[in-house]
C-alpha atoms as a PDB file:
ATOM      1  CA  MET A   1       0.001   0.081   0.039  1.00  0.00           C
ATOM      2  CA  ILE A   2       2.649   2.773   1.360  1.00  0.00           C
ATOM      3  CA  GLN A   3       4.684   1.325  -2.106  1.00  0.00           C
ATOM      4  CA  LYS A   4       1.431   2.208  -4.342  1.00  0.00           C
ATOM      5  CA  ILE A   5       1.759   5.971  -2.792  1.00  0.00           C
ATOM      6  CA  LEU A   6       5.114   6.535  -3.129  1.00  0.00           C
ATOM      7  CA  VAL A   7       5.346   5.480  -6.727  1.00  0.00           C
ATOM      8  CA  SER A   8       1.575   7.788  -6.901  1.00  0.00           C
ATOM      9  CA  LEU A   9       3.117  10.871  -5.630  1.00  0.00           C
ATOM     10  CA  GLY A  10       6.748  10.080  -7.552  1.00  0.00           C
ATOM     11  CA  LEU A  11       5.079   9.687 -10.841  1.00  0.00           C
ATOM     12  CA  ALA A  12       2.502  13.081 -10.024  1.00  0.00           C
ATOM     13  CA  LEU A  13       6.245  14.895  -9.179  1.00  0.00           C
ATOM     14  CA  VAL A  14       7.216  14.439 -12.967  1.00  0.00           C
ATOM     15  CA  LEU A  15       4.449  15.006 -14.187  1.00  0.00           C
ATOM     16  CA  ILE A  16       4.261  18.371 -12.468  1.00  0.00           C
ATOM     17  CA  LEU A  17       7.408  19.452 -13.080  1.00  0.00           C
ATOM     18  CA  THR A  18       7.690  18.170 -16.712  1.00  0.00           C
ATOM     19  CA  SER A  19       4.749  20.548 -16.988  1.00  0.00           C
ATOM     20  CA  ILE A  20       6.656  23.397 -15.546  1.00  0.00           C
ATOM     21  CA  MET A  21       9.619  22.893 -17.618  1.00  0.00           C
ATOM     22  CA  ALA A  22       7.481  22.605 -20.855  1.00  0.00           C
ATOM     23  CA  PHE A  23       5.758  25.810 -20.708  1.00  0.00           C
ATOM     24  CA  ALA A  24       9.082  27.923 -18.761  1.00  0.00           C
ATOM     25  CA  GLU A  25      10.376  30.550 -21.206  1.00  0.00           C
ATOM     26  CA  PRO A  26      13.341  30.085 -22.443  1.00  0.00           C
ATOM     27  CA  PRO A  27      16.518  31.837 -21.331  1.00  0.00           C
ATOM     28  CA  GLN A  28      17.329  35.109 -23.230  1.00  0.00           C
ATOM     29  CA  GLY A  29      20.100  34.706 -26.383  1.00  0.00           C
ATOM     30  CA  MET A  30      18.901  30.853 -26.392  1.00  0.00           C
ATOM     31  CA  VAL A  31      20.878  29.154 -29.455  1.00  0.00           C
ATOM     32  CA  PRO A  32      18.975  27.060 -31.969  1.00  0.00           C
ATOM     33  CA  PRO A  33      20.441  23.450 -31.908  1.00  0.00           C
ATOM     34  CA  PRO A  34      22.975  22.762 -34.576  1.00  0.00           C
ATOM     35  CA  GLY A  35      21.162  22.551 -38.062  1.00  0.00           C
ATOM     36  CA  MET A  36      18.588  24.448 -37.306  1.00  0.00           C
ATOM     37  CA  PRO A  37      18.228  27.898 -39.136  1.00  0.00           C
ATOM     38  CA  PRO A  38      17.771  30.705 -36.000  1.00  0.00           C
ATOM     39  CA  MET A  39      14.240  32.544 -36.378  1.00  0.00           C
ATOM     40  CA  MET A  40      13.793  35.389 -38.982  1.00  0.00           C
ATOM     41  CA  GLY A  41      10.706  36.312 -38.540  1.00  0.00           C
ATOM     42  CA  PRO A  42       7.660  36.733 -40.987  1.00  0.00           C
ATOM     43  CA  ALA A  43       8.158  36.542 -44.284  1.00  0.00           C
ATOM     44  CA  SER A  44       6.655  36.725 -47.970  1.00  0.00           C
ATOM     45  CA  MET A  45       6.681  35.211 -51.495  1.00  0.00           C
ATOM     46  CA  VAL A  46       4.772  35.904 -54.193  1.00  0.00           C
ATOM     47  CA  SER A  47       5.582  34.836 -57.892  1.00  0.00           C
ATOM     48  CA  ASP A  48       5.368  36.184 -61.433  1.00  0.00           C
ATOM     49  CA  ASN A  49       5.081  34.230 -64.781  1.00  0.00           C
ATOM     50  CA  GLN A  50       8.888  33.335 -64.229  1.00  0.00           C
ATOM     51  CA  HIS A  51      10.016  33.706 -61.139  1.00  0.00           C
ATOM     52  CA  LEU A  52       9.374  33.353 -57.342  1.00  0.00           C
ATOM     53  CA  TYR A  53      10.589  36.420 -55.272  1.00  0.00           C
ATOM     54  CA  VAL A  54      10.827  35.692 -51.266  1.00  0.00           C
ATOM     55  CA  LEU A  55      11.279  38.166 -48.451  1.00  0.00           C
ATOM     56  CA  ALA A  56      12.492  37.616 -45.428  1.00  0.00           C
ATOM     57  CA  GLY A  57      14.177  39.922 -42.989  1.00  0.00           C
ATOM     58  CA  PRO A  58      16.273  42.247 -45.714  1.00  0.00           C
ATOM     59  CA  LYS A  59      16.560  40.482 -48.012  1.00  0.00           C
ATOM     60  CA  ILE A  60      14.703  39.421 -51.602  1.00  0.00           C
ATOM     61  CA  MET A  61      15.499  36.451 -53.027  1.00  0.00           C
ATOM     62  CA  GLN A  62      14.384  34.949 -56.837  1.00  0.00           C
ATOM     63  CA  TYR A  63      14.097  31.757 -57.491  1.00  0.00           C
ATOM     64  CA  SER A  64      13.464  30.165 -60.287  1.00  0.00           C
ATOM     65  CA  LEU A  65      10.166  28.873 -60.825  1.00  0.00           C
ATOM     66  CA  GLY A  66      10.756  25.569 -62.728  1.00  0.00           C
ATOM     67  CA  ASP A  67      13.551  23.651 -60.356  1.00  0.00           C
ATOM     68  CA  LEU A  68      13.744  26.663 -57.505  1.00  0.00           C
ATOM     69  CA  LYS A  69      17.188  27.735 -57.692  1.00  0.00           C
ATOM     70  CA  LEU A  70      18.689  30.690 -56.241  1.00  0.00           C
ATOM     71  CA  LEU A  71      19.284  32.835 -58.824  1.00  0.00           C
ATOM     72  CA  LYS A  72      19.452  36.238 -56.884  1.00  0.00           C
ATOM     73  CA  THR A  73      19.950  37.818 -54.045  1.00  0.00           C
ATOM     74  CA  VAL A  74      19.057  41.445 -52.885  1.00  0.00           C
ATOM     75  CA  ASP A  75      19.254  43.638 -49.662  1.00  0.00           C
ATOM     76  CA  LEU A  76      16.618  46.087 -48.995  1.00  0.00           C
ATOM     77  CA  PRO A  77      18.177  49.609 -48.178  1.00  0.00           C
ATOM     78  CA  LYS A  78      19.063  50.408 -44.733  1.00  0.00           C
ATOM     79  CA  PRO A  79      16.603  52.632 -43.411  1.00  0.00           C
ATOM     80  CA  THR A  80      17.865  56.436 -42.765  1.00  0.00           C
ATOM     81  CA  LEU A  81      16.544  59.092 -40.359  1.00  0.00           C
ATOM     82  CA  PRO A  82      15.652  62.517 -42.110  1.00  0.00           C
ATOM     83  CA  LYS A  83      18.123  65.352 -41.486  1.00  0.00           C
ATOM     84  CA  GLU A  84      15.797  67.205 -39.593  1.00  0.00           C
ATOM     85  CA  LYS A  85      15.433  64.012 -36.802  1.00  0.00           C
ATOM     86  CA  ILE A  86      19.132  63.653 -36.840  1.00  0.00           C
ATOM     87  CA  ALA A  87      19.976  67.127 -36.081  1.00  0.00           C
ATOM     88  CA  MET A  88      17.558  66.999 -33.470  1.00  0.00           C
ATOM     89  CA  LEU A  89      18.818  64.358 -31.725  1.00  0.00           C
ATOM     90  CA  GLU A  90      22.554  65.783 -31.815  1.00  0.00           C
ATOM     91  CA  ASP A  91      21.171  69.045 -30.721  1.00  0.00           C
ATOM     92  CA  GLU A  92      21.627  69.819 -27.038  1.00  0.00           C
ATOM     93  CA  ASP A  93      18.238  71.772 -26.611  1.00  0.00           C
ATOM     94  CA  CYS A  94      16.474  68.603 -27.421  1.00  0.00           C
ATOM     95  CA  PRO A  95      12.612  68.755 -26.328  1.00  0.00           C
ATOM     96  CA  GLU A  96      13.529  66.526 -23.572  1.00  0.00           C
ATOM     97  CA  ALA A  97      15.214  70.110 -21.869  1.00  0.00           C
ATOM     98  CA  LEU A  98      11.629  71.547 -22.371  1.00  0.00           C
ATOM     99  CA  GLY A  99       9.978  68.653 -20.447  1.00  0.00           C
ATOM    100  CA  ARG A 100       9.141  66.318 -23.384  1.00  0.00           C
ATOM    101  CA  PRO A 101      10.976  63.445 -24.259  1.00  0.00           C
ATOM    102  CA  CYS A 102      13.383  63.157 -27.196  1.00  0.00           C
ATOM    103  CA  PRO A 103      12.024  61.105 -30.053  1.00  0.00           C
ATOM    104  CA  PRO A 104      13.603  57.521 -30.142  1.00  0.00           C
ATOM    105  CA  PRO A 105      15.739  56.528 -32.329  1.00  0.00           C
ATOM    106  CA  PHE A 106      14.809  55.109 -35.522  1.00  0.00           C
ATOM    107  CA  PRO A 107      14.041  51.259 -34.670  1.00  0.00           C
ATOM    108  CA  PRO A 108      15.035  48.064 -36.772  1.00  0.00           C
ATOM    109  CA  MET A 109      12.920  47.398 -39.802  1.00  0.00           C
ATOM    110  CA  GLY A 110      10.289  45.241 -39.165  1.00  0.00           C
ATOM    111  CA  GLY A 111       6.767  45.175 -38.559  1.00  0.00           C
ATOM    112  CA  SER A 112       4.308  44.558 -41.754  1.00  0.00           C
ATOM    113  CA  GLN A 113       5.871  43.073 -44.976  1.00  0.00           C
ATOM    114  CA  ALA A 114       4.356  42.287 -48.238  1.00  0.00           C
ATOM    115  CA  LEU A 115       5.382  41.630 -51.861  1.00  0.00           C
ATOM    116  CA  LEU A 116       3.601  42.088 -54.952  1.00  0.00           C
ATOM    117  CA  ALA A 117       4.628  41.404 -58.641  1.00  0.00           C
ATOM    118  CA  SER A 118       3.116  43.361 -61.005  1.00  0.00           C
ATOM    119  CA  GLU A 119       3.855  44.522 -65.202  1.00  0.00           C
ATOM    120  CA  GLY A 120       7.524  44.117 -64.825  1.00  0.00           C
ATOM    121  CA  SER A 121       7.808  45.544 -61.179  1.00  0.00           C
ATOM    122  CA  LEU A 122       8.374  44.075 -57.964  1.00  0.00           C
ATOM    123  CA  TYR A 123       6.667  46.018 -54.883  1.00  0.00           C
ATOM    124  CA  VAL A 124       7.583  45.923 -51.450  1.00  0.00           C
ATOM    125  CA  LEU A 125       6.611  46.492 -48.466  1.00  0.00           C
ATOM    126  CA  ALA A 126       8.700  46.309 -45.707  1.00  0.00           C
ATOM    127  CA  GLY A 127       7.926  48.377 -42.345  1.00  0.00           C
ATOM    128  CA  PRO A 128       7.111  51.774 -43.046  1.00  0.00           C
ATOM    129  CA  MET A 129       8.809  51.845 -46.517  1.00  0.00           C
ATOM    130  CA  LEU A 130       7.688  51.147 -49.896  1.00  0.00           C
ATOM    131  CA  TYR A 131       9.805  50.006 -52.574  1.00  0.00           C
ATOM    132  CA  ARG A 132       9.836  49.289 -56.337  1.00  0.00           C
ATOM    133  CA  PHE A 133      12.222  46.456 -58.075  1.00  0.00           C
ATOM    134  CA  SER A 134      12.281  46.352 -61.930  1.00  0.00           C
ATOM    135  CA  THR A 135      11.931  42.403 -62.124  1.00  0.00           C
ATOM    136  CA  PRO A 136      13.641  40.286 -63.078  1.00  0.00           C
ATOM    137  CA  ASP A 137      17.055  42.148 -62.377  1.00  0.00           C
ATOM    138  CA  LEU A 138      15.579  42.905 -59.250  1.00  0.00           C
ATOM    139  CA  ALA A 139      17.188  46.773 -59.198  1.00  0.00           C
ATOM    140  CA  LEU A 140      15.706  49.279 -57.041  1.00  0.00           C
ATOM    141  CA  LYS A 141      13.493  51.960 -59.340  1.00  0.00           C
ATOM    142  CA  THR A 142      11.161  54.028 -56.288  1.00  0.00           C
ATOM    143  CA  THR A 143      11.501  54.136 -52.834  1.00  0.00           C
ATOM    144  CA  ALA A 144       8.390  56.207 -50.399  1.00  0.00           C
ATOM    145  CA  GLU A 145       7.620  56.050 -46.760  1.00  0.00           C
ATOM    146  CA  MET A 146       4.462  55.100 -45.886  1.00  0.00           C
ATOM    147  CA  PRO A 147       2.430  57.813 -43.737  1.00  0.00           C
ATOM    148  CA  LYS A 148       2.214  57.448 -40.281  1.00  0.00           C
ATOM    149  CA  PRO A 149      -1.369  57.174 -38.929  1.00  0.00           C
ATOM    150  CA  GLU A 150      -2.570  60.009 -36.919  1.00  0.00           C
ATOM    151  CA  LEU A 151      -3.845  59.183 -33.559  1.00  0.00           C
ATOM    152  CA  PRO A 152      -7.857  60.155 -33.137  1.00  0.00           C
ATOM    153  CA  LYS A 153      -8.163  63.697 -31.889  1.00  0.00           C
ATOM    154  CA  ALA A 154      -9.357  63.956 -28.001  1.00  0.00           C
ATOM    155  CA  GLU A 155     -13.297  65.241 -27.963  1.00  0.00           C
ATOM    156  CA  ASN A 156     -13.665  67.968 -25.444  1.00  0.00           C
END
């Protein structure tokens, strides 16, 4: 009888510890096991009549549709701050001195991303930036920054 109770308690303890370990947060900076690629975040893909285009992180990869052979890889342009914002960040009279916080540094590219292939162009939305590349050479033709959404005005 005591042996059955001890076995039951031991089994319950093992199940509880296993459950706790399964739901525990992995340690920060944990490296994936060898052979497993690191997580890159969201990815998008689109095709035209000849190629498959994949946006993963800051790279566009072009594959042939027939054999999925990688043909070309292009890096998205690195985002830059407008000159006015750079001057504000470098200025000693930053609005923080006036009781308002300084603007944060420009965040790394992230957030939403999408691809569209149409009429000889590949349109790439990466964060707040919209790019137009020509296809199939993937030459950057146009860059535009999407407008920032406005906060709703408070009613008095």
